[in-house]
Protein backbone atom coordinates (compact mmCIF):
# COMPACT_ATOMS: atom_id res chain seq x y z
CA MET A 1 -6.70 -19.62 7.05
CA ARG A 2 -7.88 -21.24 10.27
CA ALA A 3 -4.80 -23.48 10.29
CA ARG A 4 -2.48 -20.55 9.59
CA SER A 5 -4.05 -18.52 12.39
CA ALA A 6 -3.77 -21.45 14.80
CA LEU A 7 -0.13 -22.05 13.84
CA ALA A 8 0.72 -18.37 14.20
CA ALA A 9 -0.96 -18.20 17.61
CA ALA A 10 0.76 -21.42 18.69
CA ALA A 11 4.15 -20.14 17.56
CA ALA A 12 3.68 -16.84 19.40
CA ALA A 13 2.46 -18.64 22.51
CA ALA A 14 5.39 -21.06 22.35
CA VAL A 15 7.88 -18.19 22.16
CA VAL A 16 6.25 -16.40 25.09
CA LEU A 17 5.79 -19.50 27.24
CA VAL A 18 9.23 -20.95 26.56
CA GLY A 19 10.82 -17.58 27.24
CA GLY A 20 8.74 -17.14 30.38
CA GLY A 21 9.52 -20.67 31.52
CA SER A 22 13.24 -20.15 31.00
CA TRP A 23 13.10 -16.88 32.91
CA THR A 24 11.17 -18.60 35.71
CA ARG A 25 13.76 -21.39 35.96
CA HIS A 26 16.62 -18.90 36.21
CA LEU A 27 14.70 -16.81 38.73
CA VAL A 28 13.95 -19.84 40.93
CA ARG A 29 17.57 -21.00 40.73
CA ASP A 30 18.93 -17.56 41.64
CA GLN A 31 16.48 -17.20 44.51
CA GLN A 32 17.39 -20.64 45.87
CA LEU A 33 21.11 -19.89 45.64
CA ASP A 34 20.62 -16.55 47.40
CA ALA A 35 18.61 -18.23 50.15
CA ALA A 36 21.27 -20.94 50.50
CA TYR A 37 24.00 -18.29 50.73
CA ARG A 38 22.14 -16.41 53.46
CA SER A 39 21.54 -19.66 55.37
CA ALA A 40 25.23 -20.58 55.01
CA THR A 41 26.24 -17.17 56.35
CA ARG A 42 24.08 -17.63 59.44
CA GLN A 43 25.40 -21.14 59.94
CA ALA A 44 29.02 -19.99 59.56
CA ASN A 45 28.48 -17.31 62.21
CA ALA A 46 27.01 -19.87 64.60
CA MET A 47 29.83 -22.36 64.03
CA GLY A 48 32.48 -19.64 64.39
CA LEU A 49 31.02 -18.50 67.70
CA ALA A 50 30.92 -22.11 68.94
CA ALA A 51 34.58 -22.63 68.03
CA MET A 52 35.66 -19.31 69.56
CA SER A 53 33.82 -20.06 72.80
CA ALA A 54 35.61 -23.40 73.16
CA GLY A 55 39.05 -21.77 72.99
CA PRO A 56 41.98 -24.03 72.05
CA ASN A 57 39.63 -27.01 71.68
CA GLY A 58 37.28 -25.13 69.35
CA ALA A 59 37.68 -27.58 66.48
CA GLU A 60 36.24 -30.30 68.70
CA GLU A 61 32.96 -28.38 68.83
CA LEU A 62 32.60 -28.59 65.05
CA ARG A 63 32.12 -32.31 64.63
CA PRO A 64 29.80 -33.56 61.81
CA ALA A 65 27.48 -35.15 64.35
CA PHE A 66 26.64 -31.70 65.69
CA TYR A 67 25.77 -30.37 62.21
CA PRO A 68 24.25 -33.25 60.25
CA ASP A 69 22.37 -30.99 57.79
CA VAL A 70 25.32 -28.75 56.95
CA THR A 71 28.03 -29.39 54.39
CA PHE A 72 31.15 -27.83 55.91
CA GLU A 73 34.88 -28.15 56.21
CA VAL A 74 37.27 -26.92 58.96
CA VAL A 75 40.84 -26.28 57.79
CA ASP A 76 43.90 -25.17 59.74
CA GLU A 77 46.74 -22.96 58.60
CA ALA A 78 48.56 -25.91 57.06
CA GLY A 79 45.57 -26.90 54.92
CA THR A 80 44.82 -29.96 57.01
CA VAL A 81 41.22 -30.98 57.47
CA LEU A 82 40.26 -30.80 61.12
CA SER A 83 36.60 -31.66 60.62
CA ALA A 84 34.33 -32.07 57.61
CA SER A 85 30.97 -33.34 56.51
CA PRO A 86 30.87 -36.91 55.20
CA ASP A 87 29.83 -35.55 51.78
CA LEU A 88 33.35 -34.15 51.29
CA SER A 89 35.34 -37.26 52.29
CA PRO A 90 35.61 -38.58 48.68
CA TYR A 91 37.38 -35.39 47.64
CA GLU A 92 39.78 -34.92 50.61
CA THR A 93 42.60 -37.12 49.39
CA GLY A 94 45.58 -37.52 51.69
CA GLY A 95 43.94 -35.40 54.36
CA ARG A 96 44.18 -32.33 52.13
CA ALA A 97 41.26 -29.95 52.28
CA VAL A 98 39.02 -29.05 49.38
CA MET A 99 39.10 -25.36 50.31
CA PRO A 100 42.18 -23.16 50.87
CA ALA A 101 44.09 -23.15 54.18
CA ALA A 102 43.33 -20.66 56.94
CA GLU A 103 45.13 -17.34 56.96
CA PRO A 104 46.92 -16.62 60.29
CA LEU A 105 45.22 -14.09 62.54
CA SER A 106 46.55 -12.46 65.70
CA PRO A 107 44.27 -12.51 68.76
CA ALA A 108 45.56 -9.01 69.45
CA ASP A 109 43.71 -7.94 66.33
CA THR A 110 40.65 -10.18 66.34
CA VAL A 111 39.54 -13.61 67.41
CA MET A 112 36.92 -14.06 64.60
CA ASP A 113 36.63 -12.21 61.32
CA LEU A 114 33.47 -11.46 59.39
CA PRO A 115 31.90 -14.07 57.11
CA ARG A 116 32.95 -13.68 53.50
CA ARG A 117 32.36 -15.56 50.28
CA GLY A 118 34.86 -18.27 49.64
CA PRO A 119 36.32 -19.21 46.26
CA ASP A 120 34.45 -21.30 43.68
CA VAL A 121 35.85 -24.83 43.60
CA ARG A 122 35.07 -27.53 41.06
CA LEU A 123 34.98 -30.91 42.76
CA PRO A 124 36.59 -33.88 41.02
CA ASP A 125 34.59 -36.72 39.54
CA PRO A 126 35.78 -39.94 41.24
CA ALA A 127 34.46 -43.36 40.35
CA GLY A 128 32.07 -43.40 43.30
CA ARG A 129 29.58 -41.13 41.59
CA HIS A 130 28.84 -39.04 44.65
CA ARG A 131 26.04 -36.50 44.41
CA LEU A 132 28.57 -33.62 44.31
CA ASP A 133 30.78 -35.21 41.66
CA GLY A 134 31.96 -32.71 39.09
CA ARG A 135 29.95 -29.83 40.54
CA THR A 136 31.19 -26.32 41.20
CA VAL A 137 30.66 -25.31 44.82
CA THR A 138 31.34 -22.18 46.80
CA GLY A 139 31.10 -21.42 50.46
CA VAL A 140 30.97 -18.87 53.23
CA ARG A 141 34.27 -18.62 55.10
CA ILE A 142 34.77 -17.43 58.66
CA GLN A 143 38.14 -17.57 60.43
CA VAL A 144 38.51 -18.11 64.17
CA VAL A 145 41.60 -17.86 66.47
CA LEU A 146 41.66 -20.80 68.85
CA ALA A 147 42.96 -18.84 71.85
CA ASP A 148 42.35 -18.96 75.59
CA LEU A 149 40.54 -15.69 76.02
CA ASP A 150 41.37 -15.70 79.78
CA GLY A 151 45.08 -16.26 79.23
CA ASP A 152 47.93 -13.84 78.63
CA ALA A 153 48.28 -12.83 75.02
CA GLY A 154 51.27 -10.60 75.63
CA PRO A 155 54.85 -10.89 74.31
CA GLY A 156 56.61 -14.16 74.83
CA ARG A 157 53.53 -16.29 74.48
CA VAL A 158 53.22 -18.72 71.51
CA ARG A 159 50.72 -17.46 68.88
CA SER A 160 47.42 -19.30 68.94
CA PRO A 161 46.44 -21.21 65.77
CA THR A 162 43.79 -19.96 63.33
CA ILE A 163 41.17 -22.20 61.71
CA ALA A 164 38.90 -21.50 58.73
CA VAL A 165 35.33 -22.74 58.79
CA TYR A 166 33.79 -23.19 55.34
CA VAL A 167 30.04 -23.71 55.07
CA PHE A 168 29.39 -24.90 51.52
CA VAL A 169 26.73 -23.51 49.24
CA THR A 170 25.91 -26.35 46.84
CA PRO A 171 23.60 -26.16 43.82
CA LEU A 172 21.61 -29.15 45.02
CA SER A 173 18.75 -27.21 46.61
CA ALA A 174 18.53 -24.90 43.60
CA GLU A 175 18.52 -27.88 41.26
CA ARG A 176 15.77 -29.53 43.26
CA ALA A 177 13.67 -26.37 43.04
CA VAL A 178 14.34 -26.07 39.29
CA ALA A 179 13.45 -29.74 38.85
CA THR A 180 10.13 -29.07 40.57
CA VAL A 181 9.51 -26.15 38.21
CA ASP A 182 10.47 -28.33 35.24
CA ARG A 183 7.98 -31.00 36.28
CA VAL A 184 5.30 -28.32 36.07
CA LEU A 185 6.53 -26.55 32.93
CA LEU A 186 7.31 -29.55 30.74
CA PRO A 187 3.70 -30.73 30.47
CA ALA A 188 2.14 -27.30 31.03
CA VAL A 189 3.90 -25.43 28.19
CA PRO A 190 2.90 -27.85 25.38
CA LEU A 191 -0.61 -28.08 26.82
CA ALA A 192 -0.88 -24.28 26.97
CA VAL A 193 0.42 -23.97 23.39
CA ALA A 194 -2.13 -26.55 22.24
CA MET A 195 -4.91 -24.72 24.08
CA VAL A 196 -3.90 -21.41 22.48
CA ALA A 197 -3.82 -23.03 19.04
CA LEU A 198 -7.22 -24.64 19.59
CA THR A 199 -8.69 -21.38 20.87
CA ALA A 200 -7.28 -19.49 17.87
CA TRP A 201 -8.63 -22.12 15.49
CA LEU A 202 -12.11 -22.01 17.04
CA ALA A 203 -12.13 -18.20 17.21
CA THR A 204 -11.01 -17.91 13.59
CA ARG A 205 -13.58 -20.48 12.53
CA ARG A 206 -16.31 -18.56 14.30
CA ALA A 207 -15.09 -15.25 12.89
CA LEU A 208 -14.93 -16.64 9.35
CA ARG A 209 -18.34 -18.30 9.50
CA PRO A 210 -20.03 -15.16 8.10
CA VAL A 211 -17.33 -14.99 5.40
CA GLU A 212 -18.13 -18.55 4.35
CA ALA A 213 -21.82 -17.66 4.25
CA ILE A 214 -20.98 -14.61 2.13
CA ARG A 215 -18.86 -16.79 -0.19
CA ILE A 216 -21.62 -19.35 -0.65
CA ARG A 217 -24.21 -16.65 -1.27
CA THR A 218 -21.95 -14.82 -3.72
CA ALA A 219 -21.23 -18.06 -5.59
CA GLU A 220 -24.98 -18.45 -6.14
CA VAL A 221 -25.22 -15.06 -7.87
CA THR A 222 -25.53 -15.45 -11.64
CA ALA A 223 -26.29 -13.17 -14.55
CA THR A 224 -29.99 -13.93 -14.09
CA ARG A 225 -29.93 -13.44 -10.29
CA LEU A 226 -28.13 -10.12 -9.87
CA ALA A 227 -30.89 -8.97 -7.53
CA ASP A 228 -29.68 -11.40 -4.86
CA ARG A 229 -27.86 -9.92 -1.87
CA VAL A 230 -25.67 -11.37 0.88
CA THR A 231 -26.75 -11.21 4.52
CA VAL A 232 -24.99 -8.47 6.49
CA PRO A 233 -24.01 -9.78 9.97
CA ASP A 234 -24.85 -7.54 12.91
CA THR A 235 -21.26 -7.64 14.21
CA GLY A 236 -20.36 -4.14 13.09
CA ASP A 237 -16.83 -5.25 12.17
CA GLU A 238 -14.78 -5.60 8.98
CA ILE A 239 -16.79 -8.64 7.89
CA ALA A 240 -20.01 -6.64 8.08
CA ALA A 241 -18.28 -3.91 6.06
CA LEU A 242 -17.25 -6.58 3.53
CA ALA A 243 -20.86 -7.73 3.20
CA VAL A 244 -22.03 -4.15 2.70
CA THR A 245 -19.34 -3.63 0.05
CA ILE A 246 -20.31 -6.83 -1.77
CA ASN A 247 -23.97 -5.79 -1.74
CA ALA A 248 -23.00 -2.39 -3.13
CA MET A 249 -20.95 -4.13 -5.83
CA LEU A 250 -23.89 -6.40 -6.69
CA ALA A 251 -26.15 -3.36 -6.87
CA ARG A 252 -23.74 -1.69 -9.29
CA LEU A 253 -23.53 -4.85 -11.36
CA GLU A 254 -27.32 -5.06 -11.40
CA ARG A 255 -27.59 -1.46 -12.55
CA ALA A 256 -24.87 -1.95 -15.15
CA ASP A 257 -26.55 -5.12 -16.41
CA ALA A 258 -29.91 -3.37 -16.56
CA ALA A 259 -28.33 -0.44 -18.41
CA GLN A 260 -26.64 -2.83 -20.83
CA ARG A 261 -29.89 -4.67 -21.45
CA ARG A 262 -31.72 -1.40 -21.97
CA MET A 263 -29.01 -0.24 -24.34
CA VAL A 264 -29.22 -3.46 -26.36
CA ALA A 265 -33.01 -3.25 -26.46
CA ASP A 266 -32.95 0.45 -27.36
CA ALA A 267 -30.30 -0.13 -30.02
CA ALA A 268 -32.40 -2.91 -31.53
CA HIS A 269 -35.44 -0.62 -31.40
CA GLU A 270 -33.51 2.19 -33.06
CA LEU A 271 -32.22 -0.15 -35.75
CA ARG A 272 -35.69 -1.47 -36.54
CA SER A 273 -37.01 1.89 -37.74
CA PRO A 274 -34.49 2.60 -40.54
CA LEU A 275 -34.33 -1.08 -41.43
CA ALA A 276 -38.14 -1.26 -41.66
CA ILE A 277 -38.27 1.85 -43.86
CA LEU A 278 -35.44 0.54 -46.04
CA ARG A 279 -37.02 -2.90 -46.35
CA ALA A 280 -40.49 -1.55 -47.08
CA GLY A 281 -39.16 0.73 -49.82
CA LEU A 282 -37.18 -2.07 -51.43
CA GLU A 283 -40.11 -4.53 -51.25
CA VAL A 284 -42.46 -1.99 -52.89
CA ALA A 285 -39.88 -1.25 -55.59
CA GLN A 286 -39.40 -4.97 -56.19
CA ALA A 287 -43.15 -5.61 -56.39
CA TYR A 288 -43.90 -2.67 -58.70
CA PRO A 289 -40.71 -1.92 -60.60
CA ASP A 290 -42.48 -0.17 -63.48
CA ARG A 291 -44.32 2.22 -61.15
CA THR A 292 -41.44 2.91 -58.72
CA ASP A 293 -39.84 6.35 -58.54
CA TRP A 294 -36.32 4.95 -58.48
CA PRO A 295 -34.52 8.23 -57.68
CA ALA A 296 -36.83 8.77 -54.67
CA ALA A 297 -36.45 5.14 -53.56
CA ALA A 298 -32.67 5.43 -53.81
CA ALA A 299 -32.69 8.68 -51.85
CA THR A 300 -34.79 7.05 -49.12
CA ALA A 301 -32.46 4.04 -49.00
CA VAL A 302 -29.38 6.26 -48.81
CA ALA A 303 -30.93 8.34 -46.01
CA GLN A 304 -31.77 5.26 -43.96
CA ALA A 305 -28.33 3.76 -44.62
CA GLN A 306 -26.76 6.99 -43.41
CA ARG A 307 -28.89 6.83 -40.30
CA LEU A 308 -27.77 3.24 -39.69
CA THR A 309 -24.15 4.26 -40.24
CA ALA A 310 -24.45 7.15 -37.77
CA LEU A 311 -26.02 4.86 -35.18
CA ALA A 312 -23.30 2.24 -35.66
CA ASP A 313 -20.57 4.88 -35.43
CA ASP A 314 -22.04 6.33 -32.24
CA LEU A 315 -22.39 2.89 -30.65
CA LEU A 316 -18.84 1.95 -31.59
CA LEU A 317 -17.41 5.20 -30.22
CA LEU A 318 -19.35 4.84 -26.96
CA ALA A 319 -18.17 1.26 -26.59
CA ARG A 320 -14.57 2.35 -27.09
CA LEU A 321 -14.95 5.20 -24.61
CA ASP A 322 -16.46 2.84 -22.04
CA ALA A 323 -13.64 0.35 -22.53
CA GLY A 324 -10.95 3.03 -22.57
CA THR A 325 -9.74 1.87 -26.01
CA ALA A 326 -10.71 4.94 -28.00
CA ARG A 327 -7.89 5.91 -30.33
CA PRO A 328 -5.87 8.74 -28.77
CA GLU A 329 -5.92 11.89 -30.87
CA PRO A 330 -3.16 14.50 -30.59
CA ALA A 331 -3.90 17.94 -29.16
CA THR A 332 -3.29 20.85 -31.51
CA ASP A 333 -3.71 24.61 -31.47
CA VAL A 334 -7.35 25.34 -32.29
CA ASP A 335 -9.34 28.51 -32.92
CA VAL A 336 -12.62 27.82 -31.13
CA VAL A 337 -14.46 30.59 -33.02
CA ALA A 338 -13.47 29.10 -36.38
CA VAL A 339 -14.48 25.59 -35.28
CA LEU A 340 -17.91 26.88 -34.18
CA ALA A 341 -18.46 28.61 -37.51
CA ARG A 342 -17.45 25.57 -39.56
CA VAL A 343 -19.62 23.14 -37.58
CA ALA A 344 -22.60 25.50 -37.81
CA ASP A 345 -22.17 25.73 -41.59
CA GLU A 346 -22.11 21.93 -41.89
CA ILE A 347 -25.28 21.38 -39.86
CA VAL A 348 -28.34 20.71 -42.00
CA THR A 349 -31.06 22.98 -40.65
CA PRO A 350 -34.79 22.61 -41.24
CA ALA A 351 -36.55 25.33 -43.15
CA GLY A 352 -37.10 28.45 -41.07
CA VAL A 353 -34.39 27.68 -38.49
CA VAL A 354 -31.38 30.01 -38.29
CA VAL A 355 -28.13 29.26 -36.45
CA SER A 356 -26.19 32.28 -35.19
CA CYS A 357 -22.57 31.98 -34.03
CA PRO A 358 -20.42 34.51 -32.17
CA ASP A 359 -18.56 37.00 -34.30
CA SER A 360 -15.60 37.70 -32.07
CA ALA A 361 -11.84 37.68 -32.03
CA PRO A 362 -10.16 34.27 -32.32
CA VAL A 363 -9.94 32.23 -29.15
CA ARG A 364 -6.92 29.97 -29.51
CA VAL A 365 -6.48 27.00 -27.20
CA ARG A 366 -4.78 23.63 -27.32
CA LEU A 367 -7.04 20.57 -27.40
CA THR A 368 -8.24 17.70 -29.59
CA ARG A 369 -10.01 19.29 -32.56
CA LEU A 370 -12.04 16.23 -33.56
CA ARG A 371 -13.49 15.83 -30.07
CA LEU A 372 -14.51 19.48 -29.88
CA GLU A 373 -16.10 19.28 -33.34
CA ARG A 374 -18.02 16.12 -32.40
CA ILE A 375 -19.30 17.72 -29.17
CA LEU A 376 -20.43 20.90 -30.93
CA ARG A 377 -21.97 18.97 -33.83
CA ASN A 378 -24.05 16.82 -31.46
CA LEU A 379 -25.21 19.85 -29.44
CA LEU A 380 -26.12 21.84 -32.56
CA ASP A 381 -27.80 18.84 -34.19
CA ASN A 382 -29.95 18.40 -31.08
CA ALA A 383 -30.75 22.12 -30.99
CA VAL A 384 -31.81 22.49 -34.66
CA ARG A 385 -34.05 19.41 -34.44
CA HIS A 386 -36.03 20.99 -31.60
CA ALA A 387 -35.79 24.69 -32.43
CA ALA A 388 -38.83 26.57 -33.70
CA HIS A 389 -36.96 29.38 -35.45
CA ARG A 390 -33.56 30.11 -33.96
CA VAL A 391 -30.45 28.49 -32.48
CA GLU A 392 -27.94 30.78 -30.79
CA VAL A 393 -24.37 29.90 -29.87
CA ARG A 394 -22.50 31.96 -27.27
CA LEU A 395 -18.81 31.76 -26.42
CA GLU A 396 -17.03 33.08 -23.33
CA ALA A 397 -13.30 32.69 -22.66
CA ALA A 398 -11.52 33.76 -19.49
CA ALA A 399 -8.03 33.26 -18.14
CA ALA A 400 -7.75 30.44 -15.61
CA GLY A 401 -4.11 30.85 -14.72
CA PRO A 402 -0.93 31.75 -16.54
CA ALA A 403 -1.28 28.97 -19.13
CA ARG A 404 -4.94 27.89 -19.13
CA VAL A 405 -8.24 29.19 -20.47
CA ARG A 406 -11.73 28.54 -19.16
CA LEU A 407 -14.18 28.03 -22.05
CA ARG A 408 -17.94 28.36 -21.74
CA ILE A 409 -19.91 27.49 -24.87
CA GLU A 410 -23.70 27.81 -24.67
CA VAL A 411 -26.07 26.38 -27.30
CA ARG A 412 -29.64 27.71 -27.01
CA ASP A 413 -32.77 26.95 -28.97
CA ASP A 414 -36.31 28.28 -28.86
CA GLY A 415 -37.98 24.87 -28.88
CA PRO A 416 -40.25 23.23 -26.30
CA GLY A 417 -37.51 23.12 -23.63
CA ILE A 418 -36.62 20.37 -21.18
CA PRO A 419 -38.58 19.70 -17.97
CA TYR A 420 -36.52 20.14 -14.83
CA ALA A 421 -37.02 16.50 -13.82
CA ASP A 422 -35.52 15.32 -17.13
CA ARG A 423 -32.35 17.43 -17.14
CA ASP A 424 -30.15 14.55 -16.02
CA ARG A 425 -32.06 11.82 -17.82
CA ILE A 426 -31.64 13.60 -21.15
CA PHE A 427 -27.98 12.54 -21.15
CA ASP A 428 -28.80 8.83 -20.79
CA ARG A 429 -28.32 6.69 -23.86
CA PHE A 430 -31.31 6.32 -26.18
CA THR A 431 -33.32 8.74 -24.08
CA ARG A 432 -36.07 10.56 -25.96
CA LEU A 433 -38.47 12.88 -24.22
CA ASP A 434 -42.14 12.66 -25.14
CA ALA A 435 -41.93 15.81 -27.26
CA ALA A 436 -39.20 14.28 -29.38
CA ARG A 437 -40.44 10.76 -29.89
CA ASP A 438 -40.93 11.18 -33.65
CA ARG A 439 -37.95 9.42 -35.16
CA HIS A 440 -38.42 10.99 -38.55
CA ALA A 441 -36.81 14.09 -37.01
CA GLY A 442 -33.51 12.21 -37.12
CA GLY A 443 -30.97 11.50 -34.42
CA THR A 444 -29.77 8.28 -32.87
CA GLY A 445 -30.66 8.96 -29.24
CA LEU A 446 -26.95 8.89 -28.44
CA GLY A 447 -25.84 12.41 -29.34
CA LEU A 448 -26.10 14.08 -25.93
CA SER A 449 -24.71 11.05 -24.10
CA LEU A 450 -21.77 10.93 -26.48
CA ALA A 451 -21.21 14.68 -26.15
CA ARG A 452 -21.00 14.44 -22.36
CA GLU A 453 -18.59 11.47 -22.58
CA LEU A 454 -16.32 13.40 -24.96
CA ALA A 455 -16.51 16.51 -22.78
CA ALA A 456 -15.27 14.47 -19.84
CA ARG A 457 -12.23 13.51 -21.96
CA LEU A 458 -11.53 17.26 -22.26
CA ASP A 459 -11.83 17.62 -18.46
CA GLY A 460 -15.10 19.43 -19.05
CA THR A 461 -18.82 19.10 -18.36
CA ILE A 462 -22.10 19.58 -20.19
CA GLU A 463 -25.24 20.53 -18.34
CA VAL A 464 -28.68 22.00 -18.92
CA VAL A 465 -29.00 25.48 -17.40
CA ASP A 466 -32.01 27.52 -16.39
CA GLU A 467 -33.19 29.78 -19.20
CA PRO A 468 -36.38 31.79 -19.67
CA PRO A 469 -38.87 29.82 -21.79
CA PRO A 470 -39.22 28.88 -24.51
CA GLY A 471 -36.26 26.71 -25.35
CA ALA A 472 -33.39 24.87 -23.77
CA ALA A 473 -29.77 25.80 -23.18
CA PHE A 474 -26.84 23.36 -23.04
CA VAL A 475 -23.55 24.66 -21.64
CA LEU A 476 -20.13 23.12 -22.28
CA THR A 477 -17.56 24.19 -19.67
CA ALA A 478 -13.91 23.18 -19.89
CA THR A 479 -10.57 24.50 -18.71
CA VAL A 480 -7.92 23.84 -21.36
CA PRO A 481 -4.32 24.92 -22.06
CA ARG A 482 -3.61 28.04 -24.05
CA ALA A 483 -2.36 27.64 -27.61
CA THR A 484 1.40 27.39 -27.91
CA THR A 485 1.41 29.82 -30.85
CA ASP A 486 -0.59 32.98 -31.48
């Protein structure tokens, strides 16, 4: 990741620096050419004034010796070179000028026109390899009439000749300036790119140092060291948030592992009781076969086997619900009142305990019948095991929209009740309150937990509500679709 960050930063820096360098080169070149053009304009004005002041001998005032630092050419109307800088001699073959001939002017109109930009001319490339070979040059042109300003310019006089003075604007100064810029940019750009890459690499390394520490610490966490936590850096950034998230994940894993261990221990504890009773009965029957009440021993064995089967079924269903692999069951039209009555009839009640169900009109909804029956059976089984004399079931149904019904099923008993502090804990797996620790009363310790899990699959909830003592009240609330048929 450090290398990728450094490469990305280097690539971005290279694009910016190369683009900026190219723009700088063009800017310097344009500025140098503009400055050269302005200088050539001033020089052309000065040379034109000198030629005009000299009158008919004006061309003599424009000799190269007088202007050693200027590249210029003086051309008459016939295109003949009257004077020129030595730099242009290789290109003036046969006395012909590089630039166009002068255009005739009348001294009656003007004796010197304004400077103007001359045409672009590409110089040839002779064998001498002159510094201007093959280059495109332009110039500032000014035309001057070589007339005697004190003489008569009226009719009958011969027209005075016109000369054109070209002061060349060559790319040499611009190229020298660009070369100077290149000497700076060529080593500076790679060095700057390397510095950016190094800075990005170091910054990324420093930023990822806490991540590496988190990785090492997380790698040390094992199933026996889930209490370990990673150090949260005090940077207040995303890495600190990552450390907090990992610690929260480790805390959840620790709680899940503890819950799993408790469940395994509780399941083993629950299995020991029926297995111990079954084993003791069989050992006594084996030791004293002639004095054993075989029907009673068989009944005891069957009861304990049924208890083991119920515990195994509950554990298997909970495991499937936790894993999300419980077999999907189709929803059908169900009469909730009829389901309540049937489940209540199937519940085995202790002597002296009466279960009363609502005697009302049918309440037809669409849901999974087996899940509703399992929920109600677990709630009623819990109620009759703790009731002193009576278990009461109440049903309320109200419209929750054009196609849904809100069900509220309350199961009350007149037993010892549930302390307020234990109302959430009662739904934990294998939870038994002190008043219900006697396992001979039946139950697997999973009924309420399983009922709440199944209620969640119906988009419902089960909770303990406040009721006047004695007793406890469990309420199932769910909003389900109406039945498709009446």
